[in-house]
Amino acid sequence: MMKITFIGAGSTVFAKNVLGDCILTPEFGKFDIALFDIDKQRLEDSKNMLENINANVKSGARIYATMDRRDALKDADFVVNAIQVGGYDPCTI
């Protein structure tokens, strides 16, 4: 089964745009999405949002969130690196 790892998943809008498109692509079939971020709350927010999309379209994606980078990267077929240097706060100024 294909696995997509998303590093910097706390960027909820970007995660929705990239992974939402993957979830909406029926050709992907069943696949795993591993979400990683250093901000636990933002990570959970992204996971919940993607699970809602997944449930609404009845996709075959399995989504999990982790704060363990090695776990997220293990056996990944594709990795999206969407970290923001300096974290989230600098972009809110």
N, C-alpha and C. Protein backbone atom coordinates (compact mmCIF):
# COMPACT_ATOMS: atom_id res chain seq x y z
N MET A 1 0.85 -1.18 0.00
CA MET A 1 0.00 0.00 0.00
C MET A 1 0.89 1.24 0.00
N MET A 2 0.55 2.22 -0.81
CA MET A 2 1.32 3.45 -0.90
C MET A 2 1.20 4.25 0.39
N LYS A 3 2.30 4.91 0.76
CA LYS A 3 2.31 5.77 1.95
C LYS A 3 2.85 7.14 1.56
N ILE A 4 2.08 8.17 1.93
CA ILE A 4 2.49 9.56 1.75
C ILE A 4 2.73 10.14 3.13
N THR A 5 3.92 10.68 3.34
CA THR A 5 4.24 11.34 4.61
C THR A 5 4.26 12.84 4.38
N PHE A 6 3.60 13.56 5.27
CA PHE A 6 3.51 15.02 5.18
C PHE A 6 4.20 15.61 6.40
N ILE A 7 5.39 16.18 6.19
CA ILE A 7 6.16 16.82 7.26
C ILE A 7 5.75 18.29 7.31
N GLY A 8 5.35 18.75 8.48
CA GLY A 8 4.84 20.12 8.62
C GLY A 8 3.33 20.14 8.47
N ALA A 9 2.69 19.07 8.93
CA ALA A 9 1.24 18.93 8.76
C ALA A 9 0.44 19.93 9.58
N GLY A 10 1.10 20.67 10.47
CA GLY A 10 0.40 21.70 11.22
C GLY A 10 -0.05 22.86 10.34
N SER A 11 0.48 22.90 9.13
CA SER A 11 0.01 23.88 8.15
C SER A 11 -1.29 23.32 7.55
N THR A 12 -2.38 23.55 8.25
CA THR A 12 -3.65 22.90 7.93
C THR A 12 -4.15 23.23 6.53
N VAL A 13 -4.04 24.46 6.11
CA VAL A 13 -4.53 24.84 4.78
C VAL A 13 -3.72 24.15 3.69
N PHE A 14 -2.40 24.14 3.83
CA PHE A 14 -1.56 23.49 2.83
C PHE A 14 -1.79 21.98 2.84
N ALA A 15 -1.92 21.40 4.03
CA ALA A 15 -2.21 19.96 4.13
C ALA A 15 -3.54 19.64 3.46
N LYS A 16 -4.53 20.48 3.68
CA LYS A 16 -5.84 20.27 3.05
C LYS A 16 -5.73 20.34 1.53
N ASN A 17 -5.01 21.32 1.03
CA ASN A 17 -4.89 21.48 -0.42
C ASN A 17 -4.17 20.30 -1.06
N VAL A 18 -3.06 19.88 -0.49
CA VAL A 18 -2.26 18.80 -1.08
C VAL A 18 -2.90 17.44 -0.83
N LEU A 19 -3.14 17.14 0.44
CA LEU A 19 -3.64 15.80 0.78
C LEU A 19 -5.13 15.66 0.48
N GLY A 20 -5.87 16.75 0.55
CA GLY A 20 -7.27 16.70 0.16
C GLY A 20 -7.40 16.28 -1.30
N ASP A 21 -6.53 16.81 -2.16
CA ASP A 21 -6.53 16.40 -3.57
C ASP A 21 -6.20 14.92 -3.71
N CYS A 22 -5.26 14.44 -2.91
CA CYS A 22 -4.91 13.01 -2.96
C CYS A 22 -6.10 12.15 -2.55
N ILE A 23 -6.76 12.55 -1.48
CA ILE A 23 -7.93 11.81 -0.99
C ILE A 23 -9.03 11.78 -2.05
N LEU A 24 -9.16 12.87 -2.79
CA LEU A 24 -10.21 12.97 -3.81
C LEU A 24 -9.84 12.30 -5.14
N THR A 25 -8.67 11.68 -5.21
CA THR A 25 -8.22 11.03 -6.43
C THR A 25 -8.49 9.54 -6.35
N PRO A 26 -9.54 9.05 -7.00
CA PRO A 26 -9.91 7.64 -6.86
C PRO A 26 -8.83 6.68 -7.35
N GLU A 27 -7.98 7.12 -8.27
CA GLU A 27 -6.92 6.26 -8.79
C GLU A 27 -5.91 5.87 -7.71
N PHE A 28 -5.86 6.64 -6.63
CA PHE A 28 -4.93 6.30 -5.54
C PHE A 28 -5.39 5.06 -4.79
N GLY A 29 -6.68 4.77 -4.85
CA GLY A 29 -7.20 3.60 -4.13
C GLY A 29 -6.96 3.73 -2.64
N LYS A 30 -6.56 2.62 -2.03
CA LYS A 30 -6.26 2.63 -0.60
C LYS A 30 -4.81 3.05 -0.42
N PHE A 31 -4.58 3.99 0.50
CA PHE A 31 -3.22 4.44 0.78
C PHE A 31 -3.17 5.02 2.18
N ASP A 32 -1.96 5.12 2.70
CA ASP A 32 -1.74 5.66 4.04
C ASP A 32 -1.23 7.09 3.95
N ILE A 33 -1.68 7.90 4.89
CA ILE A 33 -1.18 9.26 5.05
C ILE A 33 -0.62 9.38 6.46
N ALA A 34 0.67 9.69 6.56
CA ALA A 34 1.30 9.92 7.85
C ALA A 34 1.54 11.41 8.00
N LEU A 35 0.97 11.98 9.04
CA LEU A 35 1.12 13.41 9.31
C LEU A 35 2.14 13.59 10.43
N PHE A 36 3.06 14.53 10.24
CA PHE A 36 4.05 14.84 11.28
C PHE A 36 4.11 16.34 11.47
N ASP A 37 4.18 16.75 12.74
CA ASP A 37 4.41 18.15 13.08
C ASP A 37 4.93 18.21 14.51
N ILE A 38 5.56 19.32 14.86
CA ILE A 38 6.05 19.49 16.23
C ILE A 38 5.03 20.16 17.13
N ASP A 39 3.95 20.67 16.55
CA ASP A 39 2.88 21.31 17.31
C ASP A 39 1.70 20.34 17.40
N LYS A 40 1.51 19.77 18.59
CA LYS A 40 0.52 18.72 18.78
C LYS A 40 -0.90 19.17 18.41
N GLN A 41 -1.29 20.37 18.83
CA GLN A 41 -2.64 20.85 18.56
C GLN A 41 -2.89 21.06 17.07
N ARG A 42 -1.95 21.69 16.40
CA ARG A 42 -2.11 21.93 14.96
C ARG A 42 -2.09 20.62 14.19
N LEU A 43 -1.30 19.67 14.66
CA LEU A 43 -1.26 18.34 14.05
C LEU A 43 -2.62 17.65 14.16
N GLU A 44 -3.21 17.70 15.34
CA GLU A 44 -4.53 17.10 15.55
C GLU A 44 -5.60 17.81 14.73
N ASP A 45 -5.50 19.13 14.62
CA ASP A 45 -6.46 19.88 13.80
C ASP A 45 -6.41 19.42 12.34
N SER A 46 -5.20 19.25 11.81
CA SER A 46 -5.05 18.79 10.43
C SER A 46 -5.58 17.37 10.27
N LYS A 47 -5.29 16.52 11.22
CA LYS A 47 -5.76 15.13 11.17
C LYS A 47 -7.29 15.09 11.16
N ASN A 48 -7.91 15.85 12.04
CA ASN A 48 -9.38 15.88 12.10
C ASN A 48 -9.98 16.38 10.80
N MET A 49 -9.40 17.42 10.24
CA MET A 49 -9.90 17.99 8.99
C MET A 49 -9.80 16.97 7.86
N LEU A 50 -8.66 16.29 7.75
CA LEU A 50 -8.48 15.30 6.69
C LEU A 50 -9.37 14.08 6.89
N GLU A 51 -9.59 13.70 8.14
CA GLU A 51 -10.49 12.58 8.41
C GLU A 51 -11.92 12.92 8.00
N ASN A 52 -12.32 14.17 8.17
CA ASN A 52 -13.65 14.60 7.74
C ASN A 52 -13.79 14.52 6.22
N ILE A 53 -12.79 15.00 5.51
CA ILE A 53 -12.80 14.91 4.04
C ILE A 53 -12.86 13.44 3.63
N ASN A 54 -12.02 12.64 4.25
CA ASN A 54 -11.93 11.22 3.93
C ASN A 54 -13.28 10.52 4.14
N ALA A 55 -13.94 10.83 5.24
CA ALA A 55 -15.24 10.21 5.56
C ALA A 55 -16.32 10.66 4.59
N ASN A 56 -16.29 11.93 4.21
CA ASN A 56 -17.32 12.47 3.31
C ASN A 56 -17.26 11.88 1.91
N VAL A 57 -16.06 11.56 1.44
CA VAL A 57 -15.93 11.02 0.08
C VAL A 57 -15.74 9.51 0.08
N LYS A 58 -15.72 8.93 1.28
CA LYS A 58 -15.55 7.48 1.43
C LYS A 58 -14.30 6.99 0.69
N SER A 59 -13.20 7.70 0.93
CA SER A 59 -11.92 7.37 0.33
C SER A 59 -11.30 6.17 1.05
N GLY A 60 -10.33 5.56 0.41
CA GLY A 60 -9.64 4.43 1.01
C GLY A 60 -8.41 4.84 1.81
N ALA A 61 -8.27 6.12 2.09
CA ALA A 61 -7.09 6.60 2.81
C ALA A 61 -7.17 6.24 4.29
N ARG A 62 -6.02 5.87 4.85
CA ARG A 62 -5.89 5.68 6.29
C ARG A 62 -4.97 6.79 6.77
N ILE A 63 -5.44 7.57 7.74
CA ILE A 63 -4.72 8.76 8.18
C ILE A 63 -4.29 8.59 9.62
N TYR A 64 -3.02 8.87 9.89
CA TYR A 64 -2.59 8.91 11.28
C TYR A 64 -1.61 10.05 11.48
N ALA A 65 -1.56 10.53 12.70
CA ALA A 65 -0.69 11.65 13.07
C ALA A 65 0.32 11.17 14.09
N THR A 66 1.52 11.68 13.98
CA THR A 66 2.57 11.32 14.92
C THR A 66 3.51 12.51 15.12
N MET A 67 4.09 12.56 16.30
CA MET A 67 5.13 13.56 16.57
C MET A 67 6.51 12.90 16.53
N ASP A 68 6.56 11.67 16.03
CA ASP A 68 7.81 10.92 15.88
C ASP A 68 8.19 10.93 14.40
N ARG A 69 9.19 11.72 14.08
CA ARG A 69 9.60 11.90 12.68
C ARG A 69 9.99 10.57 12.03
N ARG A 70 10.72 9.75 12.74
CA ARG A 70 11.16 8.47 12.18
C ARG A 70 9.97 7.57 11.85
N ASP A 71 9.00 7.56 12.73
CA ASP A 71 7.79 6.77 12.49
C ASP A 71 7.06 7.28 11.25
N ALA A 72 6.97 8.58 11.12
CA ALA A 72 6.28 9.17 9.97
C ALA A 72 6.98 8.81 8.66
N LEU A 73 8.31 8.80 8.68
CA LEU A 73 9.08 8.56 7.46
C LEU A 73 9.26 7.08 7.11
N LYS A 74 9.06 6.21 8.08
CA LYS A 74 9.29 4.77 7.85
C LYS A 74 8.39 4.26 6.72
N ASP A 75 9.02 3.64 5.74
CA ASP A 75 8.34 3.03 4.60
C ASP A 75 7.56 4.01 3.73
N ALA A 76 7.88 5.30 3.80
CA ALA A 76 7.18 6.29 2.97
C ALA A 76 7.57 6.13 1.50
N ASP A 77 6.58 6.18 0.64
CA ASP A 77 6.82 6.18 -0.80
C ASP A 77 7.03 7.61 -1.31
N PHE A 78 6.33 8.55 -0.69
CA PHE A 78 6.44 9.96 -1.05
C PHE A 78 6.48 10.79 0.23
N VAL A 79 7.29 11.85 0.21
CA VAL A 79 7.40 12.74 1.36
C VAL A 79 7.19 14.18 0.88
N VAL A 80 6.27 14.86 1.54
CA VAL A 80 6.05 16.29 1.29
C VAL A 80 6.64 17.02 2.48
N ASN A 81 7.61 17.90 2.22
CA ASN A 81 8.24 18.67 3.29
C ASN A 81 7.67 20.09 3.23
N ALA A 82 6.81 20.40 4.19
CA ALA A 82 6.13 21.70 4.18
C ALA A 82 6.39 22.46 5.47
N ILE A 83 7.61 22.30 6.00
CA ILE A 83 7.91 23.02 7.24
C ILE A 83 8.09 24.50 6.96
N GLN A 84 7.83 25.28 7.97
CA GLN A 84 8.06 26.72 7.88
C GLN A 84 9.15 27.05 8.88
N VAL A 85 10.28 27.51 8.39
CA VAL A 85 11.39 27.86 9.28
C VAL A 85 10.94 28.95 10.23
N GLY A 86 11.16 28.73 11.50
CA GLY A 86 10.75 29.69 12.51
C GLY A 86 9.38 29.39 13.09
N GLY A 87 8.70 28.38 12.54
CA GLY A 87 7.39 28.01 13.07
C GLY A 87 6.27 28.86 12.52
N TYR A 88 5.14 28.76 13.17
CA TYR A 88 3.91 29.41 12.70
C TYR A 88 3.84 30.90 13.05
N ASP A 89 4.31 31.27 14.23
CA ASP A 89 4.13 32.65 14.72
C ASP A 89 4.67 33.74 13.79
N PRO A 90 5.88 33.59 13.20
CA PRO A 90 6.38 34.67 12.34
C PRO A 90 5.47 35.02 11.17
N CYS A 91 4.69 34.07 10.68
CA CYS A 91 3.84 34.37 9.52
C CYS A 91 2.53 35.03 9.92
N THR A 92 2.28 35.17 11.21
CA THR A 92 1.03 35.79 11.65
C THR A 92 1.18 37.27 11.96
N ILE A 93 2.38 37.79 11.78
CA ILE A 93 2.64 39.21 12.10
C ILE A 93 2.17 40.09 10.97
